[in-house]
Amino acid sequence: MRYFCVIIVAVSLVMVGCAPRQSGNVYSRSQAQQQLSVYYGTILVVNTVTIEGTQTGLGTVAGGVVGGIAGNTVGGGHGRALATAVGAIGGALVGSAVEEGATRQNGVELTVELDSGEVIAVVQEADDYYAVGDRVRIIRGPGGVTRVRQ
């Protein structure tokens, strides 16, 4: 049983490490060396939000494997087969929930009035402090990716 706990912890750490960042300070490899448009504005509203976690399927598969192995250690004959199946299904459900929870992030919704008069809202990871009245840069890239920076 100790072995199974080690596997669960290891899988959880891998899932957290693979989580994509929704930060205004982090760029993906494909966003590098792209032309970006810059606008200036003033923050009107700051709201805290939660950015839901990812569900890549890794947590489901890992949980199913661990649950199936754990279930296989219970009983014998048809009981063992049933325990293996129930363990795999239960483990898959738990693994999926663990992955989503482990990759969930605190975020911020920023409503900004651009100098042009346009009002926009941007949601991103809460990795910086923003307050009403702050002057900010809005960076828009290809594909509609928009971020707010101090």
Protein backbone atom coordinates (compact mmCIF):
# COMPACT_ATOMS: atom_id res chain seq x y z
CA MET A 1 0.00 0.00 0.00
CA ARG A 2 2.91 2.31 0.70
CA TYR A 3 4.05 1.81 -2.90
CA PHE A 4 0.65 3.01 -4.17
CA CYS A 5 0.85 6.20 -2.08
CA VAL A 6 4.24 6.98 -3.60
CA ILE A 7 2.80 6.51 -7.10
CA ILE A 8 -0.15 8.80 -6.37
CA VAL A 9 2.12 11.55 -5.02
CA ALA A 10 4.47 11.22 -8.02
CA VAL A 11 1.61 11.41 -10.52
CA SER A 12 0.16 14.46 -8.73
CA LEU A 13 3.50 16.27 -8.92
CA VAL A 14 3.83 15.50 -12.63
CA MET A 15 0.31 16.83 -13.28
CA VAL A 16 1.02 20.10 -11.46
CA GLY A 17 4.28 20.52 -13.39
CA CYS A 18 2.49 20.06 -16.71
CA ALA A 19 -0.20 22.63 -16.02
CA PRO A 20 -0.25 25.45 -18.55
CA ARG A 21 0.25 28.93 -17.10
CA GLN A 22 -2.32 31.69 -17.67
CA SER A 23 0.05 34.38 -16.43
CA GLY A 24 0.54 37.79 -17.97
CA ASN A 25 4.28 37.18 -17.51
CA VAL A 26 4.60 33.77 -19.22
CA TYR A 27 4.74 33.30 -22.97
CA SER A 28 4.44 30.00 -24.83
CA ARG A 29 7.16 29.01 -27.27
CA SER A 30 4.82 29.71 -30.20
CA GLN A 31 4.19 33.26 -28.93
CA ALA A 32 7.89 34.16 -29.06
CA GLN A 33 9.06 36.28 -32.00
CA GLN A 34 5.49 37.26 -32.90
CA GLN A 35 4.39 40.81 -33.57
CA LEU A 36 2.32 42.07 -30.66
CA SER A 37 0.14 45.18 -30.51
CA VAL A 38 0.46 47.41 -27.44
CA TYR A 39 -2.28 49.64 -26.04
CA TYR A 40 -2.41 51.74 -22.89
CA GLY A 41 -5.26 52.17 -20.48
CA THR A 42 -6.51 52.54 -16.92
CA ILE A 43 -7.92 49.79 -14.72
CA LEU A 44 -11.58 50.36 -13.85
CA VAL A 45 -12.43 47.12 -11.99
CA VAL A 46 -10.41 44.31 -10.39
CA ASN A 47 -12.17 41.05 -9.50
CA THR A 48 -10.64 37.84 -8.17
CA VAL A 49 -11.64 34.71 -10.08
CA THR A 50 -10.71 31.05 -10.24
CA ILE A 51 -9.28 29.62 -13.45
CA GLU A 52 -10.44 26.01 -13.71
CA GLY A 53 -7.85 23.27 -13.85
CA THR A 54 -6.96 21.19 -16.86
CA GLN A 55 -8.10 17.64 -17.53
CA THR A 56 -5.64 16.15 -19.97
CA GLY A 57 -6.62 12.56 -19.17
CA LEU A 58 -3.31 11.88 -17.44
CA GLY A 59 -4.97 11.98 -14.02
CA THR A 60 -7.78 9.71 -15.18
CA VAL A 61 -5.39 7.12 -16.63
CA ALA A 62 -2.98 7.24 -13.69
CA GLY A 63 -5.83 7.04 -11.17
CA GLY A 64 -7.38 4.13 -13.06
CA VAL A 65 -4.10 2.21 -13.12
CA VAL A 66 -3.41 2.79 -9.43
CA GLY A 67 -7.03 1.99 -8.50
CA GLY A 68 -6.99 -1.16 -10.62
CA ILE A 69 -3.76 -2.37 -9.04
CA ALA A 70 -5.10 -1.62 -5.56
CA GLY A 71 -8.38 -3.39 -6.34
CA ASN A 72 -6.52 -6.41 -7.68
CA THR A 73 -4.97 -6.98 -4.26
CA VAL A 74 -8.43 -7.55 -2.72
CA GLY A 75 -10.25 -10.90 -2.64
CA GLY A 76 -9.92 -13.77 -5.05
CA GLY A 77 -11.68 -15.21 -8.13
CA HIS A 78 -14.69 -13.21 -9.34
CA GLY A 79 -14.43 -10.97 -6.28
CA ARG A 80 -10.93 -9.96 -7.30
CA ALA A 81 -12.06 -9.16 -10.85
CA LEU A 82 -14.92 -7.06 -9.51
CA ALA A 83 -12.62 -5.28 -7.02
CA THR A 84 -10.14 -4.58 -9.84
CA ALA A 85 -12.87 -3.08 -12.03
CA VAL A 86 -14.34 -1.00 -9.20
CA GLY A 87 -10.85 0.13 -8.16
CA ALA A 88 -10.00 1.17 -11.71
CA ILE A 89 -13.23 3.14 -12.17
CA GLY A 90 -12.99 4.77 -8.75
CA GLY A 91 -9.32 5.54 -9.26
CA ALA A 92 -10.04 7.11 -12.64
CA LEU A 93 -12.68 9.39 -11.12
CA VAL A 94 -10.42 10.37 -8.24
CA GLY A 95 -7.44 10.87 -10.57
CA SER A 96 -9.44 13.17 -12.82
CA ALA A 97 -10.61 15.24 -9.85
CA VAL A 98 -7.08 15.41 -8.42
CA GLU A 99 -5.68 16.62 -11.76
CA GLU A 100 -8.32 19.34 -12.09
CA GLY A 101 -7.82 20.49 -8.50
CA ALA A 102 -4.03 20.44 -8.70
CA THR A 103 -3.99 22.61 -11.84
CA ARG A 104 -6.67 25.11 -10.73
CA GLN A 105 -5.28 28.66 -10.39
CA ASN A 106 -6.22 31.91 -8.70
CA GLY A 107 -6.93 34.52 -11.30
CA VAL A 108 -7.89 38.13 -11.74
CA GLU A 109 -10.44 39.71 -14.07
CA LEU A 110 -9.31 43.18 -15.06
CA THR A 111 -11.66 45.67 -16.69
CA VAL A 112 -9.59 48.29 -18.48
CA GLU A 113 -10.57 51.47 -20.29
CA LEU A 114 -8.13 51.93 -23.15
CA ASP A 115 -6.94 55.41 -24.04
CA SER A 116 -9.08 55.09 -27.19
CA GLY A 117 -12.22 54.85 -25.00
CA GLU A 118 -12.77 51.13 -25.63
CA VAL A 119 -13.49 49.09 -22.48
CA ILE A 120 -12.17 45.52 -22.34
CA ALA A 121 -11.92 42.76 -19.74
CA VAL A 122 -9.00 40.34 -19.48
CA VAL A 123 -8.75 37.28 -17.23
CA GLN A 124 -5.28 36.04 -16.32
CA GLU A 125 -3.41 34.35 -13.49
CA ALA A 126 -3.14 36.49 -10.36
CA ASP A 127 0.64 36.83 -10.55
CA ASP A 128 0.85 40.59 -10.03
CA TYR A 129 -0.99 43.21 -7.96
CA TYR A 130 -3.44 45.48 -9.78
CA ALA A 131 -5.58 48.27 -8.35
CA VAL A 132 -8.31 50.52 -9.70
CA GLY A 133 -6.71 53.55 -11.35
CA ASP A 134 -3.45 51.81 -12.28
CA ARG A 135 -2.04 52.68 -15.71
CA VAL A 136 -1.32 49.46 -17.61
CA ARG A 137 -0.18 48.12 -20.95
CA ILE A 138 -2.46 45.80 -22.89
CA ILE A 139 -0.59 43.39 -25.12
CA ARG A 140 -2.56 41.69 -27.89
CA GLY A 141 -1.09 38.94 -29.98
CA PRO A 142 -2.16 36.75 -32.88
CA GLY A 143 -5.10 34.50 -32.15
CA GLY A 144 -6.67 36.93 -29.68
CA VAL A 145 -4.26 36.29 -26.80
CA THR A 146 -4.42 39.42 -24.63
CA ARG A 147 -2.56 40.16 -21.40
CA VAL A 148 -2.34 43.06 -18.98
CA ARG A 149 1.05 44.22 -17.73
CA GLN A 150 2.14 46.95 -15.29
